[in-house]
All heavy atoms as atom14 arrays in JSON, in Angstrom:
{
  "sequence": "QKDALERLKLRDMLFQPEMLEAVQPDVHLVAS",
  "atom14_mask": [
    [1, 1, 1, 1, 1, 1, 1, 1, 1, 0, 0, 0, 0, 0],
    [1, 1, 1, 1, 1, 1, 1, 1, 1, 0, 0, 0, 0, 0],
    [1, 1, 1, 1, 1, 1, 1, 1, 0, 0, 0, 0, 0, 0],
    [1, 1, 1, 1, 1, 0, 0, 0, 0, 0, 0, 0, 0, 0],
    [1, 1, 1, 1, 1, 1, 1, 1, 0, 0, 0, 0, 0, 0],
    [1, 1, 1, 1, 1, 1, 1, 1, 1, 0, 0, 0, 0, 0],
    [1, 1, 1, 1, 1, 1, 1, 1, 1, 1, 1, 0, 0, 0],
    [1, 1, 1, 1, 1, 1, 1, 1, 0, 0, 0, 0, 0, 0],
    [1, 1, 1, 1, 1, 1, 1, 1, 1, 0, 0, 0, 0, 0],
    [1, 1, 1, 1, 1, 1, 1, 1, 0, 0, 0, 0, 0, 0],
    [1, 1, 1, 1, 1, 1, 1, 1, 1, 1, 1, 0, 0, 0],
    [1, 1, 1, 1, 1, 1, 1, 1, 0, 0, 0, 0, 0, 0],
    [1, 1, 1, 1, 1, 1, 1, 1, 0, 0, 0, 0, 0, 0],
    [1, 1, 1, 1, 1, 1, 1, 1, 0, 0, 0, 0, 0, 0],
    [1, 1, 1, 1, 1, 1, 1, 1, 1, 1, 1, 0, 0, 0],
    [1, 1, 1, 1, 1, 1, 1, 1, 1, 0, 0, 0, 0, 0],
    [1, 1, 1, 1, 1, 1, 1, 0, 0, 0, 0, 0, 0, 0],
    [1, 1, 1, 1, 1, 1, 1, 1, 1, 0, 0, 0, 0, 0],
    [1, 1, 1, 1, 1, 1, 1, 1, 0, 0, 0, 0, 0, 0],
    [1, 1, 1, 1, 1, 1, 1, 1, 0, 0, 0, 0, 0, 0],
    [1, 1, 1, 1, 1, 1, 1, 1, 1, 0, 0, 0, 0, 0],
    [1, 1, 1, 1, 1, 0, 0, 0, 0, 0, 0, 0, 0, 0],
    [1, 1, 1, 1, 1, 1, 1, 0, 0, 0, 0, 0, 0, 0],
    [1, 1, 1, 1, 1, 1, 1, 1, 1, 0, 0, 0, 0, 0],
    [1, 1, 1, 1, 1, 1, 1, 0, 0, 0, 0, 0, 0, 0],
    [1, 1, 1, 1, 1, 1, 1, 1, 0, 0, 0, 0, 0, 0],
    [1, 1, 1, 1, 1, 1, 1, 0, 0, 0, 0, 0, 0, 0],
    [1, 1, 1, 1, 1, 1, 1, 1, 1, 1, 0, 0, 0, 0],
    [1, 1, 1, 1, 1, 1, 1, 1, 0, 0, 0, 0, 0, 0],
    [1, 1, 1, 1, 1, 1, 1, 0, 0, 0, 0, 0, 0, 0],
    [1, 1, 1, 1, 1, 0, 0, 0, 0, 0, 0, 0, 0, 0],
    [1, 1, 1, 1, 1, 1, 0, 0, 0, 0, 0, 0, 0, 0]
  ],
  "atom14_positions": [
    [[4.87, 7.26, -3.24], [4.31, 8.06, -4.34], [3.09, 7.38, -4.94], [2.11, 8.01, -5.26], [5.4, 8.25, -5.41], [6.46, 9.25, -5.02], [7.51, 9.45, -6.13], [8.35, 10.33, -6.0], [7.49, 8.63, -7.15], [0.0, 0.0, 0.0], [0.0, 0.0, 0.0], [0.0, 0.0, 0.0], [0.0, 0.0, 0.0], [0.0, 0.0, 0.0]],
    [[3.21, 6.06, -5.12], [2.08, 5.33, -5.7], [0.89, 5.4, -4.78], [-0.27, 5.59, -5.21], [2.5, 3.85, -5.91], [1.41, 3.01, -6.56], [1.85, 1.57, -6.69], [0.73, 0.73, -7.29], [1.08, -0.72, -7.31], [0.0, 0.0, 0.0], [0.0, 0.0, 0.0], [0.0, 0.0, 0.0], [0.0, 0.0, 0.0], [0.0, 0.0, 0.0]],
    [[1.09, 5.25, -3.46], [-0.01, 5.34, -2.49], [-0.65, 6.74, -2.55], [-1.89, 6.87, -2.45], [0.49, 5.07, -1.07], [0.72, 3.61, -0.79], [0.31, 2.79, -1.63], [1.3, 3.26, 0.22], [0.0, 0.0, 0.0], [0.0, 0.0, 0.0], [0.0, 0.0, 0.0], [0.0, 0.0, 0.0], [0.0, 0.0, 0.0], [0.0, 0.0, 0.0]],
    [[0.17, 7.76, -2.69], [-0.38, 9.15, -2.74], [-1.25, 9.32, -3.97], [-2.33, 9.91, -3.89], [0.76, 10.14, -2.75], [0.0, 0.0, 0.0], [0.0, 0.0, 0.0], [0.0, 0.0, 0.0], [0.0, 0.0, 0.0], [0.0, 0.0, 0.0], [0.0, 0.0, 0.0], [0.0, 0.0, 0.0], [0.0, 0.0, 0.0], [0.0, 0.0, 0.0]],
    [[-0.81, 8.81, -5.11], [-1.58, 8.95, -6.35], [-2.92, 8.18, -6.23], [-3.95, 8.69, -6.69], [-0.77, 8.43, -7.52], [0.38, 9.29, -7.96], [1.24, 8.56, -9.01], [-0.07, 10.62, -8.53], [0.0, 0.0, 0.0], [0.0, 0.0, 0.0], [0.0, 0.0, 0.0], [0.0, 0.0, 0.0], [0.0, 0.0, 0.0], [0.0, 0.0, 0.0]],
    [[-2.87, 7.0, -5.65], [-4.06, 6.17, -5.61], [-5.03, 6.56, -4.47], [-6.25, 6.63, -4.67], [-3.66, 4.69, -5.47], [-2.95, 4.16, -6.69], [-2.52, 2.73, -6.53], [-2.65, 2.19, -5.42], [-2.1, 2.12, -7.53], [0.0, 0.0, 0.0], [0.0, 0.0, 0.0], [0.0, 0.0, 0.0], [0.0, 0.0, 0.0], [0.0, 0.0, 0.0]],
    [[-4.48, 6.81, -3.27], [-5.31, 7.08, -2.1], [-5.88, 8.5, -2.12], [-7.04, 8.72, -1.74], [-4.51, 6.92, -0.82], [-4.1, 5.48, -0.52], [-3.05, 5.46, 0.6], [-2.72, 4.09, 0.99], [-3.02, 3.56, 2.17], [-3.66, 4.28, 3.09], [-2.69, 2.33, 2.48], [0.0, 0.0, 0.0], [0.0, 0.0, 0.0], [0.0, 0.0, 0.0]],
    [[-5.06, 9.46, -2.54], [-5.44, 10.86, -2.39], [-5.89, 11.49, -3.7], [-6.19, 12.66, -3.74], [-4.27, 11.68, -1.8], [-3.73, 11.11, -0.5], [-2.6, 11.99, 0.01], [-4.81, 11.01, 0.56], [0.0, 0.0, 0.0], [0.0, 0.0, 0.0], [0.0, 0.0, 0.0], [0.0, 0.0, 0.0], [0.0, 0.0, 0.0], [0.0, 0.0, 0.0]],
    [[-5.87, 10.69, -4.77], [-6.35, 11.17, -6.07], [-5.62, 12.45, -6.46], [-6.24, 13.46, -6.77], [-7.84, 11.32, -6.09], [-8.6, 10.05, -5.72], [-10.1, 10.2, -5.91], [-10.81, 8.94, -5.4], [-10.37, 7.72, -6.03], [0.0, 0.0, 0.0], [0.0, 0.0, 0.0], [0.0, 0.0, 0.0], [0.0, 0.0, 0.0], [0.0, 0.0, 0.0]],
    [[-4.28, 12.38, -6.4], [-3.49, 13.58, -6.72], [-3.05, 13.63, -8.19], [-2.15, 14.37, -8.55], [-2.24, 13.6, -5.84], [-2.48, 13.67, -4.32], [-1.15, 13.67, -3.6], [-3.28, 14.9, -3.95], [0.0, 0.0, 0.0], [0.0, 0.0, 0.0], [0.0, 0.0, 0.0], [0.0, 0.0, 0.0], [0.0, 0.0, 0.0], [0.0, 0.0, 0.0]],
    [[-3.71, 12.86, -9.04], [-3.27, 12.81, -10.43], [-3.3, 14.15, -11.11], [-2.45, 14.45, -11.98], [-4.12, 11.79, -11.2], [-3.93, 10.37, -10.74], [-4.83, 9.43, -11.51], [-4.68, 8.07, -10.98], [-3.8, 7.2, -11.46], [-3.03, 7.54, -12.44], [-3.74, 5.97, -10.96], [0.0, 0.0, 0.0], [0.0, 0.0, 0.0], [0.0, 0.0, 0.0]],
    [[-4.26, 15.01, -10.74], [-4.33, 16.32, -11.37], [-3.07, 17.14, -11.17], [-2.71, 17.99, -11.96], [-5.52, 17.11, -10.82], [-6.86, 16.54, -11.31], [-6.81, 15.7, -12.21], [-7.92, 16.94, -10.78], [0.0, 0.0, 0.0], [0.0, 0.0, 0.0], [0.0, 0.0, 0.0], [0.0, 0.0, 0.0], [0.0, 0.0, 0.0], [0.0, 0.0, 0.0]],
    [[-2.36, 16.84, -10.07], [-1.13, 17.6, -9.78], [-0.02, 17.26, -10.79], [0.91, 18.02, -10.94], [-0.68, 17.34, -8.37], [-1.64, 17.87, -7.34], [-1.0, 17.75, -5.67], [-2.4, 18.42, -4.78], [0.0, 0.0, 0.0], [0.0, 0.0, 0.0], [0.0, 0.0, 0.0], [0.0, 0.0, 0.0], [0.0, 0.0, 0.0], [0.0, 0.0, 0.0]],
    [[-0.16, 16.11, -11.44], [0.84, 15.77, -12.45], [0.75, 16.67, -13.68], [1.61, 16.63, -14.54], [0.67, 14.29, -12.89], [0.9, 13.25, -11.78], [0.67, 11.86, -12.37], [2.29, 13.37, -11.21], [0.0, 0.0, 0.0], [0.0, 0.0, 0.0], [0.0, 0.0, 0.0], [0.0, 0.0, 0.0], [0.0, 0.0, 0.0], [0.0, 0.0, 0.0]],
    [[-0.3, 17.48, -13.75], [-0.43, 18.42, -14.84], [0.48, 19.65, -14.68], [0.57, 20.46, -15.57], [-1.85, 18.9, -14.98], [-2.82, 17.8, -15.41], [-4.18, 17.99, -15.31], [-2.35, 16.57, -15.89], [-5.08, 17.03, -15.7], [-3.25, 15.58, -16.27], [-4.6, 15.83, -16.18], [0.0, 0.0, 0.0], [0.0, 0.0, 0.0], [0.0, 0.0, 0.0]],
    [[1.13, 19.73, -13.51], [1.97, 20.88, -13.22], [3.44, 20.51, -13.39], [3.93, 19.58, -12.71], [1.71, 21.39, -11.8], [0.24, 21.72, -11.57], [-0.07, 21.96, -10.1], [0.72, 22.64, -9.44], [-1.19, 21.46, -9.61], [0.0, 0.0, 0.0], [0.0, 0.0, 0.0], [0.0, 0.0, 0.0], [0.0, 0.0, 0.0], [0.0, 0.0, 0.0]],
    [[4.19, 21.2, -14.25], [5.58, 20.86, -14.5], [6.42, 20.79, -13.25], [7.25, 19.91, -13.08], [6.05, 21.97, -15.44], [4.82, 22.46, -16.13], [3.72, 22.33, -15.1], [0.0, 0.0, 0.0], [0.0, 0.0, 0.0], [0.0, 0.0, 0.0], [0.0, 0.0, 0.0], [0.0, 0.0, 0.0], [0.0, 0.0, 0.0], [0.0, 0.0, 0.0]],
    [[6.2, 21.74, -12.3], [7.02, 21.79, -11.1], [6.77, 20.53, -10.23], [7.65, 20.07, -9.55], [6.78, 23.03, -10.31], [5.35, 23.24, -9.82], [4.45, 23.92, -10.82], [4.85, 23.97, -12.0], [3.36, 24.39, -10.42], [0.0, 0.0, 0.0], [0.0, 0.0, 0.0], [0.0, 0.0, 0.0], [0.0, 0.0, 0.0], [0.0, 0.0, 0.0]],
    [[5.54, 20.0, -10.3], [5.26, 18.78, -9.54], [5.97, 17.58, -10.18], [6.56, 16.74, -9.48], [3.76, 18.52, -9.52], [2.99, 19.54, -8.67], [3.48, 19.42, -6.94], [2.98, 17.77, -6.56], [0.0, 0.0, 0.0], [0.0, 0.0, 0.0], [0.0, 0.0, 0.0], [0.0, 0.0, 0.0], [0.0, 0.0, 0.0], [0.0, 0.0, 0.0]],
    [[5.95, 17.48, -11.48], [6.6, 16.39, -12.15], [8.12, 16.41, -11.87], [8.73, 15.35, -11.75], [6.37, 16.48, -13.68], [5.11, 15.82, -14.17], [5.03, 15.98, -15.69], [5.0, 14.37, -13.79], [0.0, 0.0, 0.0], [0.0, 0.0, 0.0], [0.0, 0.0, 0.0], [0.0, 0.0, 0.0], [0.0, 0.0, 0.0], [0.0, 0.0, 0.0]],
    [[8.7, 17.58, -11.8], [10.11, 17.68, -11.54], [10.45, 17.25, -10.12], [11.58, 16.79, -9.86], [10.59, 19.11, -11.77], [10.53, 19.54, -13.23], [10.72, 21.0, -13.43], [10.84, 21.74, -12.41], [10.68, 21.48, -14.6], [0.0, 0.0, 0.0], [0.0, 0.0, 0.0], [0.0, 0.0, 0.0], [0.0, 0.0, 0.0], [0.0, 0.0, 0.0]],
    [[9.48, 17.32, -9.19], [9.73, 16.94, -7.8], [9.57, 15.44, -7.56], [10.11, 14.91, -6.62], [8.8, 17.71, -6.87], [0.0, 0.0, 0.0], [0.0, 0.0, 0.0], [0.0, 0.0, 0.0], [0.0, 0.0, 0.0], [0.0, 0.0, 0.0], [0.0, 0.0, 0.0], [0.0, 0.0, 0.0], [0.0, 0.0, 0.0], [0.0, 0.0, 0.0]],
    [[8.79, 14.78, -8.41], [8.51, 13.36, -8.23], [9.69, 12.53, -8.67], [10.38, 12.86, -9.62], [7.23, 12.99, -9.04], [7.02, 11.48, -9.02], [6.01, 13.67, -8.48], [0.0, 0.0, 0.0], [0.0, 0.0, 0.0], [0.0, 0.0, 0.0], [0.0, 0.0, 0.0], [0.0, 0.0, 0.0], [0.0, 0.0, 0.0], [0.0, 0.0, 0.0]],
    [[9.94, 11.44, -7.94], [10.96, 10.48, -8.36], [10.41, 9.57, -9.42], [9.44, 8.84, -9.2], [11.46, 9.66, -7.19], [12.49, 8.61, -7.58], [13.2, 8.01, -6.37], [13.7, 8.73, -5.54], [13.22, 6.7, -6.3], [0.0, 0.0, 0.0], [0.0, 0.0, 0.0], [0.0, 0.0, 0.0], [0.0, 0.0, 0.0], [0.0, 0.0, 0.0]],
    [[10.97, 9.59, -10.63], [10.4, 8.82, -11.73], [10.45, 7.3, -11.45], [11.45, 6.81, -10.98], [11.29, 9.19, -12.96], [11.93, 10.46, -12.59], [12.13, 10.4, -11.08], [0.0, 0.0, 0.0], [0.0, 0.0, 0.0], [0.0, 0.0, 0.0], [0.0, 0.0, 0.0], [0.0, 0.0, 0.0], [0.0, 0.0, 0.0], [0.0, 0.0, 0.0]],
    [[9.4, 6.61, -11.81], [9.38, 5.16, -11.72], [8.31, 4.62, -12.67], [7.61, 5.36, -13.33], [9.15, 4.63, -10.26], [7.76, 4.98, -9.74], [7.0, 5.68, -10.43], [7.44, 4.53, -8.64], [0.0, 0.0, 0.0], [0.0, 0.0, 0.0], [0.0, 0.0, 0.0], [0.0, 0.0, 0.0], [0.0, 0.0, 0.0], [0.0, 0.0, 0.0]],
    [[8.18, 3.28, -12.73], [7.25, 2.67, -13.66], [5.82, 3.12, -13.41], [5.06, 3.35, -14.34], [7.37, 1.13, -13.59], [6.25, 0.47, -14.35], [8.72, 0.65, -14.11], [0.0, 0.0, 0.0], [0.0, 0.0, 0.0], [0.0, 0.0, 0.0], [0.0, 0.0, 0.0], [0.0, 0.0, 0.0], [0.0, 0.0, 0.0], [0.0, 0.0, 0.0]],
    [[5.44, 3.21, -12.14], [4.05, 3.58, -11.81], [3.75, 5.02, -12.24], [2.63, 5.31, -12.7], [3.78, 3.39, -10.34], [4.01, 2.01, -9.86], [3.24, 0.95, -10.27], [4.97, 1.47, -9.02], [3.66, -0.16, -9.73], [4.7, 0.11, -8.95], [0.0, 0.0, 0.0], [0.0, 0.0, 0.0], [0.0, 0.0, 0.0], [0.0, 0.0, 0.0]],
    [[4.73, 5.91, -12.11], [4.53, 7.27, -12.54], [4.39, 7.31, -14.08], [3.51, 8.02, -14.59], [5.71, 8.13, -12.12], [5.66, 9.59, -12.59], [4.44, 10.31, -12.07], [6.94, 10.33, -12.17], [0.0, 0.0, 0.0], [0.0, 0.0, 0.0], [0.0, 0.0, 0.0], [0.0, 0.0, 0.0], [0.0, 0.0, 0.0], [0.0, 0.0, 0.0]],
    [[5.21, 6.54, -14.75], [5.08, 6.48, -16.24], [3.68, 5.98, -16.6], [3.05, 6.55, -17.53], [6.15, 5.56, -16.83], [5.87, 5.25, -18.3], [7.53, 6.19, -16.68], [0.0, 0.0, 0.0], [0.0, 0.0, 0.0], [0.0, 0.0, 0.0], [0.0, 0.0, 0.0], [0.0, 0.0, 0.0], [0.0, 0.0, 0.0], [0.0, 0.0, 0.0]],
    [[3.19, 4.97, -15.92], [1.86, 4.42, -16.23], [0.8, 5.49, -16.01], [-0.12, 5.61, -16.81], [1.58, 3.22, -15.33], [0.0, 0.0, 0.0], [0.0, 0.0, 0.0], [0.0, 0.0, 0.0], [0.0, 0.0, 0.0], [0.0, 0.0, 0.0], [0.0, 0.0, 0.0], [0.0, 0.0, 0.0], [0.0, 0.0, 0.0], [0.0, 0.0, 0.0]],
    [[0.95, 6.28, -14.94], [-0.02, 7.37, -14.69], [0.03, 8.39, -15.81], [-1.02, 8.87, -16.3], [0.27, 8.05, -13.33], [0.09, 7.14, -12.27], [0.0, 0.0, 0.0], [0.0, 0.0, 0.0], [0.0, 0.0, 0.0], [0.0, 0.0, 0.0], [0.0, 0.0, 0.0], [0.0, 0.0, 0.0], [0.0, 0.0, 0.0], [0.0, 0.0, 0.0]]
  ]
}
């Protein structure tokens, strides 16, 4: 998940509730 956020610049997708519900929560996600 961290690689996807950093390599593919998918941070905008975190603006979608359904995407957040699919992600496994961790420290790096909280930081994002």
